[in-house]
PDB file of N, CA and C in Angstrom:
ATOM      1  N   MET A   1     115.195 -22.858  12.594  1.00  0.00           N
ATOM      2  CA  MET A   1     115.914 -23.799  11.726  1.00  0.00           C
ATOM      3  C   MET A   1     114.745 -23.576  10.090  1.00  0.00           C
ATOM      4  N   PHE A   2     113.491 -23.657  10.432  1.00  0.00           N
ATOM      5  CA  PHE A   2     112.599 -23.402   9.239  1.00  0.00           C
ATOM      6  C   PHE A   2     111.649 -21.683   8.999  1.00  0.00           C
ATOM      7  N   GLY A   3     112.562 -21.058   9.886  1.00  0.00           N
ATOM      8  CA  GLY A   3     112.183 -19.792   9.720  1.00  0.00           C
ATOM      9  C   GLY A   3     110.581 -19.698  10.048  1.00  0.00           C
ATOM     10  N   LYS A   4     109.128 -18.335   8.954  1.00  0.00           N
ATOM     11  CA  LYS A   4     108.169 -18.259   9.939  1.00  0.00           C
ATOM     12  C   LYS A   4     107.653 -19.520   9.327  1.00  0.00           C
ATOM     13  N   GLY A   5     107.870 -20.268   8.255  1.00  0.00           N
ATOM     14  CA  GLY A   5     106.749 -21.239   7.918  1.00  0.00           C
ATOM     15  C   GLY A   5     106.339 -22.381   8.488  1.00  0.00           C
ATOM     16  N   GLY A   6     107.612 -22.575   9.538  1.00  0.00           N
ATOM     17  CA  GLY A   6     107.452 -23.940  10.460  1.00  0.00           C
ATOM     18  C   GLY A   6     107.918 -25.131   9.641  1.00  0.00           C
ATOM     19  N   ASN A   7     107.909 -26.304  10.157  1.00  0.00           N
ATOM     20  CA  ASN A   7     108.393 -27.228   9.349  1.00  0.00           C
ATOM     21  C   ASN A   7     107.632 -27.838   8.352  1.00  0.00           C
ATOM     22  N   PRO A   8     107.902 -28.163   6.895  1.00  0.00           N
ATOM     23  CA  PRO A   8     106.536 -28.703   6.409  1.00  0.00           C
ATOM     24  C   PRO A   8     106.367 -29.823   6.332  1.00  0.00           C
ATOM     25  N   ALA A   9     107.012 -30.585   7.240  1.00  0.00           N
ATOM     26  CA  ALA A   9     106.668 -32.469   6.941  1.00  0.00           C
ATOM     27  C   ALA A   9     105.982 -32.715   8.516  1.00  0.00           C
ATOM     28  N   SER A  10     104.917 -31.765   8.936  1.00  0.00           N
ATOM     29  CA  SER A  10     105.089 -32.083  10.489  1.00  0.00           C
ATOM     30  C   SER A  10     103.661 -32.461  10.386  1.00  0.00           C
ATOM     31  N   ASP A  11     103.405 -31.880   9.059  1.00  0.00           N
ATOM     32  CA  ASP A  11     101.706 -33.256   9.567  1.00  0.00           C
ATOM     33  C   ASP A  11     101.481 -34.136   8.076  1.00  0.00           C
ATOM     34  N   TRP A  12     103.035 -34.994   7.872  1.00  0.00           N
ATOM     35  CA  TRP A  12     102.808 -35.692   7.228  1.00  0.00           C
ATOM     36  C   TRP A  12     102.746 -36.832   8.110  1.00  0.00           C
ATOM     37  N   PRO A  13     101.757 -38.079   7.309  1.00  0.00           N
ATOM     38  CA  PRO A  13     102.185 -39.481   7.656  1.00  0.00           C
ATOM     39  C   PRO A  13     103.195 -39.823   8.162  1.00  0.00           C
ATOM     40  N   PRO A  14     103.060 -41.052   9.569  1.00  0.00           N
ATOM     41  CA  PRO A  14     104.351 -41.806   9.518  1.00  0.00           C
ATOM     42  C   PRO A  14     105.193 -42.053   8.488  1.00  0.00           C
ATOM     43  N   ALA A  15     106.081 -42.183   9.195  1.00  0.00           N
ATOM     44  CA  ALA A  15     106.814 -43.363   7.728  1.00  0.00           C
ATOM     45  C   ALA A  15     106.741 -44.818   8.509  1.00  0.00           C
ATOM     46  N   GLY A  16     107.131 -45.785   7.317  1.00  0.00           N
ATOM     47  CA  GLY A  16     107.306 -46.323   7.006  1.00  0.00           C
ATOM     48  C   GLY A  16     108.282 -47.265   6.564  1.00  0.00           C
ATOM     49  N   PRO A  17     109.052 -48.525   7.143  1.00  0.00           N
ATOM     50  CA  PRO A  17     110.402 -48.742   6.268  1.00  0.00           C
ATOM     51  C   PRO A  17     110.455 -48.335   5.458  1.00  0.00           C
ATOM     52  N   ALA A  18     111.888 -48.566   5.345  1.00  0.00           N
ATOM     53  CA  ALA A  18     112.921 -47.745   4.007  1.00  0.00           C
ATOM     54  C   ALA A  18     112.226 -48.305   3.081  1.00  0.00           C
ATOM     55  N   PRO A  19     111.869 -47.482   2.006  1.00  0.00           N
ATOM     56  CA  PRO A  19     111.858 -48.067   0.693  1.00  0.00           C
ATOM     57  C   PRO A  19     112.716 -48.747  -0.125  1.00  0.00           C
ATOM     58  N   ALA A  20     112.602 -49.595  -1.327  1.00  0.00           N
ATOM     59  CA  ALA A  20     113.013 -50.201  -1.816  1.00  0.00           C
ATOM     60  C   ALA A  20     113.605 -48.581  -3.057  1.00  0.00           C
ATOM     61  N   LEU A  21     114.814 -49.482  -3.310  1.00  0.00           N
ATOM     62  CA  LEU A  21     115.852 -48.512  -4.094  1.00  0.00           C
ATOM     63  C   LEU A  21     115.595 -49.431  -5.913  1.00  0.00           C
ATOM     64  N   ASP A  22     115.435 -48.654  -6.825  1.00  0.00           N
ATOM     65  CA  ASP A  22     115.481 -49.140  -7.548  1.00  0.00           C
ATOM     66  C   ASP A  22     116.394 -48.391  -8.722  1.00  0.00           C
ATOM     67  N   LEU A  23     117.398 -48.708  -8.480  1.00  0.00           N
ATOM     68  CA  LEU A  23     118.649 -48.010  -9.624  1.00  0.00           C
ATOM     69  C   LEU A  23     117.983 -47.577 -11.498  1.00  0.00           C
ATOM     70  N   GLY A  24     117.498 -48.765 -11.693  1.00  0.00           N
ATOM     71  CA  GLY A  24     116.542 -48.794 -13.033  1.00  0.00           C
ATOM     72  C   GLY A  24     115.999 -47.023 -13.197  1.00  0.00           C
ATOM     73  N   ARG A  25     115.111 -47.687 -12.812  1.00  0.00           N
ATOM     74  CA  ARG A  25     114.643 -45.961 -12.418  1.00  0.00           C
ATOM     75  C   ARG A  25     114.898 -44.720 -12.250  1.00  0.00           C
ATOM     76  N   LYS A  26     116.394 -45.027 -11.159  1.00  0.00           N
ATOM     77  CA  LYS A  26     117.044 -44.055 -10.086  1.00  0.00           C
ATOM     78  C   LYS A  26     116.070 -43.720  -9.444  1.00  0.00           C
ATOM     79  N   ALA A  27     115.298 -44.614  -8.233  1.00  0.00           N
ATOM     80  CA  ALA A  27     114.720 -43.971  -7.970  1.00  0.00           C
ATOM     81  C   ALA A  27     114.510 -44.159  -6.293  1.00  0.00           C
ATOM     82  N   VAL A  28     114.149 -43.703  -4.923  1.00  0.00           N
ATOM     83  CA  VAL A  28     113.816 -44.244  -4.126  1.00  0.00           C
ATOM     84  C   VAL A  28     112.354 -44.499  -3.623  1.00  0.00           C
ATOM     85  N   GLY A  29     111.955 -45.781  -3.657  1.00  0.00           N
ATOM     86  CA  GLY A  29     110.531 -45.740  -3.106  1.00  0.00           C
ATOM     87  C   GLY A  29     109.323 -45.327  -4.771  1.00  0.00           C
ATOM     88  N   PRO A  30     108.949 -44.359  -4.229  1.00  0.00           N
ATOM     89  CA  PRO A  30     108.438 -43.370  -5.531  1.00  0.00           C
ATOM     90  C   PRO A  30     108.601 -42.353  -5.702  1.00  0.00           C
ATOM     91  N   LEU A  31     109.514 -41.872  -5.052  1.00  0.00           N
ATOM     92  CA  LEU A  31     110.925 -40.568  -5.400  1.00  0.00           C
ATOM     93  C   LEU A  31     111.838 -40.688  -6.011  1.00  0.00           C
ATOM     94  N   ARG A  32     111.477 -40.036  -7.523  1.00  0.00           N
ATOM     95  CA  ARG A  32     112.968 -40.129  -8.543  1.00  0.00           C
ATOM     96  C   ARG A  32     113.715 -39.163  -8.075  1.00  0.00           C
ATOM     97  N   LEU A  33     115.112 -39.362  -8.944  1.00  0.00           N
ATOM     98  CA  LEU A  33     115.899 -38.187  -8.920  1.00  0.00           C
ATOM     99  C   LEU A  33     115.845 -36.725  -9.353  1.00  0.00           C
ATOM    100  N   GLY A  34     115.558 -36.380  -8.793  1.00  0.00           N
ATOM    101  CA  GLY A  34     115.288 -34.951  -9.687  1.00  0.00           C
ATOM    102  C   GLY A  34     113.510 -33.954  -9.304  1.00  0.00           C
ATOM    103  N   ASP A  35     112.802 -35.214  -8.238  1.00  0.00           N
ATOM    104  CA  ASP A  35     111.718 -35.277  -8.402  1.00  0.00           C
ATOM    105  C   ASP A  35     111.801 -33.935  -7.360  1.00  0.00           C
ATOM    106  N   PRO A  36     110.837 -33.109  -6.740  1.00  0.00           N
ATOM    107  CA  PRO A  36     110.088 -32.346  -6.035  1.00  0.00           C
ATOM    108  C   PRO A  36     110.153 -32.404  -4.752  1.00  0.00           C
ATOM    109  N   PHE A  37     110.691 -31.743  -3.476  1.00  0.00           N
ATOM    110  CA  PHE A  37     110.498 -31.920  -1.911  1.00  0.00           C
ATOM    111  C   PHE A  37     109.310 -32.868  -2.438  1.00  0.00           C
ATOM    112  N   GLU A  38     108.120 -32.051  -2.266  1.00  0.00           N
ATOM    113  CA  GLU A  38     106.858 -32.530  -1.557  1.00  0.00           C
ATOM    114  C   GLU A  38     106.377 -33.752  -2.018  1.00  0.00           C
ATOM    115  N   GLY A  39     106.908 -34.560  -3.004  1.00  0.00           N
ATOM    116  CA  GLY A  39     106.468 -36.213  -3.668  1.00  0.00           C
ATOM    117  C   GLY A  39     107.366 -37.183  -2.122  1.00  0.00           C
ATOM    118  N   ALA A  40     108.721 -36.724  -1.220  1.00  0.00           N
ATOM    119  CA  ALA A  40     108.613 -37.067   0.388  1.00  0.00           C
ATOM    120  C   ALA A  40     107.559 -37.433   1.191  1.00  0.00           C
ATOM    121  N   ARG A  41     106.786 -36.999   1.335  1.00  0.00           N
ATOM    122  CA  ARG A  41     105.246 -36.924   1.388  1.00  0.00           C
ATOM    123  C   ARG A  41     105.076 -38.213   1.485  1.00  0.00           C
ATOM    124  N   ALA A  42     105.285 -38.759   0.416  1.00  0.00           N
ATOM    125  CA  ALA A  42     104.921 -40.210  -0.262  1.00  0.00           C
ATOM    126  C   ALA A  42     105.275 -41.669   0.946  1.00  0.00           C
ATOM    127  N   LEU A  43     106.859 -41.372   1.261  1.00  0.00           N
ATOM    128  CA  LEU A  43     107.253 -41.705   2.563  1.00  0.00           C
ATOM    129  C   LEU A  43     107.270 -41.410   3.925  1.00  0.00           C
ATOM    130  N   GLY A  44     106.444 -40.696   4.654  1.00  0.00           N
ATOM    131  CA  GLY A  44     106.032 -39.493   5.670  1.00  0.00           C
ATOM    132  C   GLY A  44     107.407 -39.190   6.230  1.00  0.00           C
ATOM    133  N   ARG A  45     107.130 -38.962   7.465  1.00  0.00           N
ATOM    134  CA  ARG A  45     107.355 -37.531   8.211  1.00  0.00           C
ATOM    135  C   ARG A  45     109.196 -38.577   8.685  1.00  0.00           C
ATOM    136  N   PRO A  46     109.893 -37.136   8.431  1.00  0.00           N
ATOM    137  CA  PRO A  46     111.417 -37.945   8.466  1.00  0.00           C
ATOM    138  C   PRO A  46     111.521 -38.196  10.348  1.00  0.00           C
ATOM    139  N   VAL A  47     112.119 -38.385  10.549  1.00  0.00           N
ATOM    140  CA  VAL A  47     112.719 -37.869  12.389  1.00  0.00           C
ATOM    141  C   VAL A  47     112.937 -37.107  12.154  1.00  0.00           C
ATOM    142  N   ARG A  48     114.119 -35.814  11.283  1.00  0.00           N
ATOM    143  CA  ARG A  48     114.272 -35.071  11.190  1.00  0.00           C
ATOM    144  C   ARG A  48     114.705 -33.996   9.705  1.00  0.00           C
ATOM    145  N   MET A  49     114.699 -33.017   9.976  1.00  0.00           N
ATOM    146  CA  MET A  49     114.761 -31.685   8.734  1.00  0.00           C
ATOM    147  C   MET A  49     115.698 -31.165   9.061  1.00  0.00           C
ATOM    148  N   ARG A  50     116.634 -31.093   8.220  1.00  0.00           N
ATOM    149  CA  ARG A  50     117.503 -29.723   8.515  1.00  0.00           C
ATOM    150  C   ARG A  50     117.149 -28.806   7.033  1.00  0.00           C
ATOM    151  N   GLY A  51     116.939 -27.311   7.363  1.00  0.00           N
ATOM    152  CA  GLY A  51     117.313 -26.849   6.023  1.00  0.00           C
ATOM    153  C   GLY A  51     115.497 -26.143   5.853  1.00  0.00           C
ATOM    154  N   PRO A  52     116.035 -24.994   4.982  1.00  0.00           N
ATOM    155  CA  PRO A  52     114.656 -23.690   4.979  1.00  0.00           C
ATOM    156  C   PRO A  52     113.693 -24.436   5.136  1.00  0.00           C
ATOM    157  N   ALA A  53     112.644 -24.084   5.267  1.00  0.00           N
ATOM    158  CA  ALA A  53     110.857 -24.221   5.346  1.00  0.00           C
ATOM    159  C   ALA A  53     110.434 -25.058   3.338  1.00  0.00           C
ATOM    160  N   SER A  54     111.455 -24.158   2.774  1.00  0.00           N
ATOM    161  CA  SER A  54     110.600 -24.277   1.531  1.00  0.00           C
ATOM    162  C   SER A  54     111.726 -23.557   0.509  1.00  0.00           C
ATOM    163  N   GLY A  55     112.638 -24.270  -0.573  1.00  0.00           N
ATOM    164  CA  GLY A  55     113.356 -23.558  -1.741  1.00  0.00           C
ATOM    165  C   GLY A  55     114.673 -23.937  -0.785  1.00  0.00           C
ATOM    166  N   GLY A  56     115.657 -24.133  -1.320  1.00  0.00           N
ATOM    167  CA  GLY A  56     117.150 -24.016  -1.242  1.00  0.00           C
ATOM    168  C   GLY A  56     117.554 -25.507  -0.868  1.00  0.00           C
ATOM    169  N   ASN A  57     118.173 -25.861   0.065  1.00  0.00           N
ATOM    170  CA  ASN A  57     118.861 -26.883   0.508  1.00  0.00           C
ATOM    171  C   ASN A  57     118.509 -27.948   1.533  1.00  0.00           C
ATOM    172  N   GLN A  58     117.933 -28.647   1.828  1.00  0.00           N
ATOM    173  CA  GLN A  58     116.836 -29.565   2.413  1.00  0.00           C
ATOM    174  C   GLN A  58     117.283 -31.325   2.975  1.00  0.00           C
ATOM    175  N   VAL A  59     117.613 -31.556   4.041  1.00  0.00           N
ATOM    176  CA  VAL A  59     118.370 -32.983   4.122  1.00  0.00           C
ATOM    177  C   VAL A  59     116.868 -34.013   5.201  1.00  0.00           C
ATOM    178  N   LEU A  60     115.915 -34.766   4.991  1.00  0.00           N
ATOM    179  CA  LEU A  60     115.258 -35.616   5.444  1.00  0.00           C
ATOM    180  C   LEU A  60     116.155 -36.388   6.017  1.00  0.00           C
ATOM    181  N   GLU A  61     116.070 -36.615   6.930  1.00  0.00           N
ATOM    182  CA  GLU A  61     116.997 -37.906   7.533  1.00  0.00           C
ATOM    183  C   GLU A  61     115.302 -38.881   8.646  1.00  0.00           C
ATOM    184  N   TYR A  62     115.173 -39.915   7.818  1.00  0.00           N
ATOM    185  CA  TYR A  62     114.679 -41.312   8.405  1.00  0.00           C
ATOM    186  C   TYR A  62     115.713 -42.112   9.265  1.00  0.00           C
ATOM    187  N   ALA A  63     114.937 -43.212   9.617  1.00  0.00           N
ATOM    188  CA  ALA A  63     115.551 -44.269  10.418  1.00  0.00           C
ATOM    189  C   ALA A  63     115.767 -45.071   9.462  1.00  0.00           C
ATOM    190  N   GLY A  64     117.398 -44.631   8.812  1.00  0.00           N
ATOM    191  CA  GLY A  64     118.749 -45.859   7.696  1.00  0.00           C
ATOM    192  C   GLY A  64     118.621 -44.818   7.005  1.00  0.00           C
ATOM    193  N   PHE A  65     118.175 -43.677   6.442  1.00  0.00           N
ATOM    194  CA  PHE A  65     118.125 -43.466   5.523  1.00  0.00           C
ATOM    195  C   PHE A  65     118.183 -41.654   5.876  1.00  0.00           C
ATOM    196  N   GLU A  66     118.599 -40.838   4.643  1.00  0.00           N
ATOM    197  CA  GLU A  66     118.736 -39.426   4.541  1.00  0.00           C
ATOM    198  C   GLU A  66     118.233 -39.848   3.004  1.00  0.00           C
ATOM    199  N   LEU A  67     117.305 -38.332   3.122  1.00  0.00           N
ATOM    200  CA  LEU A  67     116.818 -37.503   1.232  1.00  0.00           C
ATOM    201  C   LEU A  67     117.583 -36.169   1.264  1.00  0.00           C
ATOM    202  N   ASP A  68     118.499 -36.193   0.509  1.00  0.00           N
ATOM    203  CA  ASP A  68     119.559 -34.973   0.608  1.00  0.00           C
ATOM    204  C   ASP A  68     118.625 -34.012  -1.102  1.00  0.00           C
ATOM    205  N   PHE A  69     117.807 -32.324  -0.547  1.00  0.00           N
ATOM    206  CA  PHE A  69     116.956 -32.415  -1.752  1.00  0.00           C
ATOM    207  C   PHE A  69     117.707 -30.948  -2.060  1.00  0.00           C
ATOM    208  N   ARG A  70     118.349 -30.683  -3.112  1.00  0.00           N
ATOM    209  CA  ARG A  70     119.145 -29.436  -3.862  1.00  0.00           C
ATOM    210  C   ARG A  70     118.016 -28.266  -4.644  1.00  0.00           C
ATOM    211  N   ASP A  71     118.126 -27.362  -4.245  1.00  0.00           N
ATOM    212  CA  ASP A  71     117.533 -26.409  -4.567  1.00  0.00           C
ATOM    213  C   ASP A  71     115.934 -26.998  -4.833  1.00  0.00           C
ATOM    214  N   GLY A  72     115.408 -27.913  -3.166  1.00  0.00           N
ATOM    215  CA  GLY A  72     113.387 -28.777  -3.865  1.00  0.00           C
ATOM    216  C   GLY A  72     113.404 -29.366  -4.310  1.00  0.00           C
ATOM    217  N   ARG A  73     114.641 -30.265  -5.314  1.00  0.00           N
ATOM    218  CA  ARG A  73     115.050 -31.251  -5.970  1.00  0.00           C
ATOM    219  C   ARG A  73     115.850 -32.658  -5.446  1.00  0.00           C
ATOM    220  N   LEU A  74     115.146 -33.578  -5.601  1.00  0.00           N
ATOM    221  CA  LEU A  74     116.201 -34.512  -4.618  1.00  0.00           C
ATOM    222  C   LEU A  74     117.479 -34.701  -5.588  1.00  0.00           C
ATOM    223  N   ALA A  75     118.967 -34.863  -4.474  1.00  0.00           N
ATOM    224  CA  ALA A  75     119.734 -34.649  -5.385  1.00  0.00           C
ATOM    225  C   ALA A  75     120.473 -36.054  -5.236  1.00  0.00           C
ATOM    226  N   CYS A  76     119.969 -36.782  -4.562  1.00  0.00           N
ATOM    227  CA  CYS A  76     120.819 -37.679  -3.755  1.00  0.00           C
ATOM    228  C   CYS A  76     119.873 -39.030  -2.094  1.00  0.00           C
ATOM    229  N   ALA A  77     120.182 -39.056  -2.175  1.00  0.00           N
ATOM    230  CA  ALA A  77     119.880 -40.934  -1.175  1.00  0.00           C
ATOM    231  C   ALA A  77     121.067 -41.390  -0.710  1.00  0.00           C
ATOM    232  N   LYS A  78     120.945 -41.626   0.740  1.00  0.00           N
ATOM    233  CA  LYS A  78     121.917 -42.087   1.980  1.00  0.00           C
ATOM    234  C   LYS A  78     121.617 -42.971   2.460  1.00  0.00           C
ATOM    235  N   PHE A  79     122.143 -44.373   2.651  1.00  0.00           N
ATOM    236  CA  PHE A  79     121.454 -45.243   3.389  1.00  0.00           C
ATOM    237  C   PHE A  79     122.582 -45.187   4.609  1.00  0.00           C
ATOM    238  N   ASP A  80     122.056 -45.872   5.641  1.00  0.00           N
ATOM    239  CA  ASP A  80     123.183 -46.126   6.898  1.00  0.00           C
ATOM    240  C   ASP A  80     123.927 -47.582   7.129  1.00  0.00           C
ATOM    241  N   LEU A  81     125.050 -47.632   6.572  1.00  0.00           N
ATOM    242  CA  LEU A  81     125.792 -48.730   6.728  1.00  0.00           C
ATOM    243  C   LEU A  81     126.362 -49.003   8.134  1.00  0.00           C
ATOM    244  N   ASP A  82     125.919 -49.796   8.941  1.00  0.00           N
ATOM    245  CA  ASP A  82     127.069 -49.578  10.616  1.00  0.00           C
ATOM    246  C   ASP A  82     127.639 -50.870  10.084  1.00  0.00           C
ATOM    247  N   GLY A  83     128.640 -50.489  10.656  1.00  0.00           N
ATOM    248  CA  GLY A  83     129.602 -52.208  11.050  1.00  0.00           C
ATOM    249  C   GLY A  83     129.909 -52.628   8.778  1.00  0.00           C
ATOM    250  N   PRO A  84     130.478 -53.889   9.570  1.00  0.00           N
ATOM    251  CA  PRO A  84     130.673 -54.500   8.275  1.00  0.00           C
ATOM    252  C   PRO A  84     129.789 -55.211   7.508  1.00  0.00           C
ATOM    253  N   GLY A  85     128.822 -55.171   8.158  1.00  0.00           N
ATOM    254  CA  GLY A  85     128.163 -56.109   7.526  1.00  0.00           C
ATOM    255  C   GLY A  85     126.695 -54.985   6.277  1.00  0.00           C
ATOM    256  N   SER A  86     125.527 -55.380   5.852  1.00  0.00           N
ATOM    257  CA  SER A  86     124.963 -54.991   4.723  1.00  0.00           C
ATOM    258  C   SER A  86     123.475 -54.525   4.978  1.00  0.00           C
ATOM    259  N   VAL A  87     123.030 -53.612   3.930  1.00  0.00           N
ATOM    260  CA  VAL A  87     121.676 -53.666   4.527  1.00  0.00           C
ATOM    261  C   VAL A  87     120.440 -54.194   3.555  1.00  0.00           C
ATOM    262  N   ASN A  88     119.536 -55.295   3.896  1.00  0.00           N
ATOM    263  CA  ASN A  88     118.695 -55.202   1.777  1.00  0.00           C
ATOM    264  C   ASN A  88     117.706 -54.054   2.027  1.00  0.00           C
ATOM    265  N   VAL A  89     118.149 -53.219   0.174  1.00  0.00           N
ATOM    266  CA  VAL A  89     116.804 -52.097   0.300  1.00  0.00           C
ATOM    267  C   VAL A  89     115.674 -52.338  -0.991  1.00  0.00           C
ATOM    268  N   GLY A  90     114.841 -53.174  -0.481  1.00  0.00           N
ATOM    269  CA  GLY A  90     114.759 -53.859  -1.725  1.00  0.00           C
ATOM    270  C   GLY A  90     114.484 -55.134  -1.972  1.00  0.00           C
ATOM    271  N   ASP A  91     115.122 -55.126  -3.346  1.00  0.00           N
ATOM    272  CA  ASP A  91     115.269 -56.003  -3.800  1.00  0.00           C
ATOM    273  C   ASP A  91     117.199 -56.847  -3.888  1.00  0.00           C
ATOM    274  N   ILE A  92     117.882 -54.880  -3.595  1.00  0.00           N
ATOM    275  CA  ILE A  92     119.325 -54.653  -3.579  1.00  0.00           C
ATOM    276  C   ILE A  92     120.280 -55.126  -2.283  1.00  0.00           C
ATOM    277  N   ARG A  93     120.497 -55.596  -1.851  1.00  0.00           N
ATOM    278  CA  ARG A  93     121.779 -55.469  -0.605  1.00  0.00           C
ATOM    279  C   ARG A  93     123.194 -54.667  -1.149  1.00  0.00           C
ATOM    280  N   LEU A  94     122.710 -53.429   0.455  1.00  0.00           N
ATOM    281  CA  LEU A  94     124.036 -52.830   0.077  1.00  0.00           C
ATOM    282  C   LEU A  94     125.133 -52.850   0.978  1.00  0.00           C
ATOM    283  N   SER A  95     126.543 -52.336   0.662  1.00  0.00           N
ATOM    284  CA  SER A  95     127.380 -53.003   1.691  1.00  0.00           C
ATOM    285  C   SER A  95     128.406 -51.933   1.170  1.00  0.00           C
ATOM    286  N   ARG A  96     129.648 -51.506   2.400  1.00  0.00           N
ATOM    287  CA  ARG A  96     130.158 -50.864   2.437  1.00  0.00           C
ATOM    288  C   ARG A  96     131.263 -51.089   0.956  1.00  0.00           C
ATOM    289  N   SER A  97     131.081 -51.740   0.268  1.00  0.00           N
ATOM    290  CA  SER A  97     131.840 -52.517  -0.850  1.00  0.00           C
ATOM    291  C   SER A  97     130.850 -51.972  -2.413  1.00  0.00           C
ATOM    292  N   THR A  98     129.399 -51.314  -2.335  1.00  0.00           N
ATOM    293  CA  THR A  98     128.519 -51.113  -2.879  1.00  0.00           C
ATOM    294  C   THR A  98     128.991 -49.573  -3.762  1.00  0.00           C
ATOM    295  N   LYS A  99     128.525 -49.638  -5.416  1.00  0.00           N
ATOM    296  CA  LYS A  99     128.720 -48.965  -6.176  1.00  0.00           C
ATOM    297  C   LYS A  99     127.973 -48.551  -6.728  1.00  0.00           C
TER     298      LYS A  99
END
């Protein structure tokens, strides 16, 4: 899965709670859309990583959210919304009807 380089996130610190979502900055915690893969280190070690060890497309899976990197840059953040309820991400409340 990671080739000869191994998992690049294996030595990252443990992950904390889901980071705050800042729509004004287009950011998830300290990480803004377009930031490089290495910036995700600030969020801690993911539960699982899919994709090559460097470059290309990677997905970092955390408890409750995922970060999708395209060509080594943050392209998308996805938050898990189980059932009909909602979840707080910082000061923002997300539900299935959130646009």
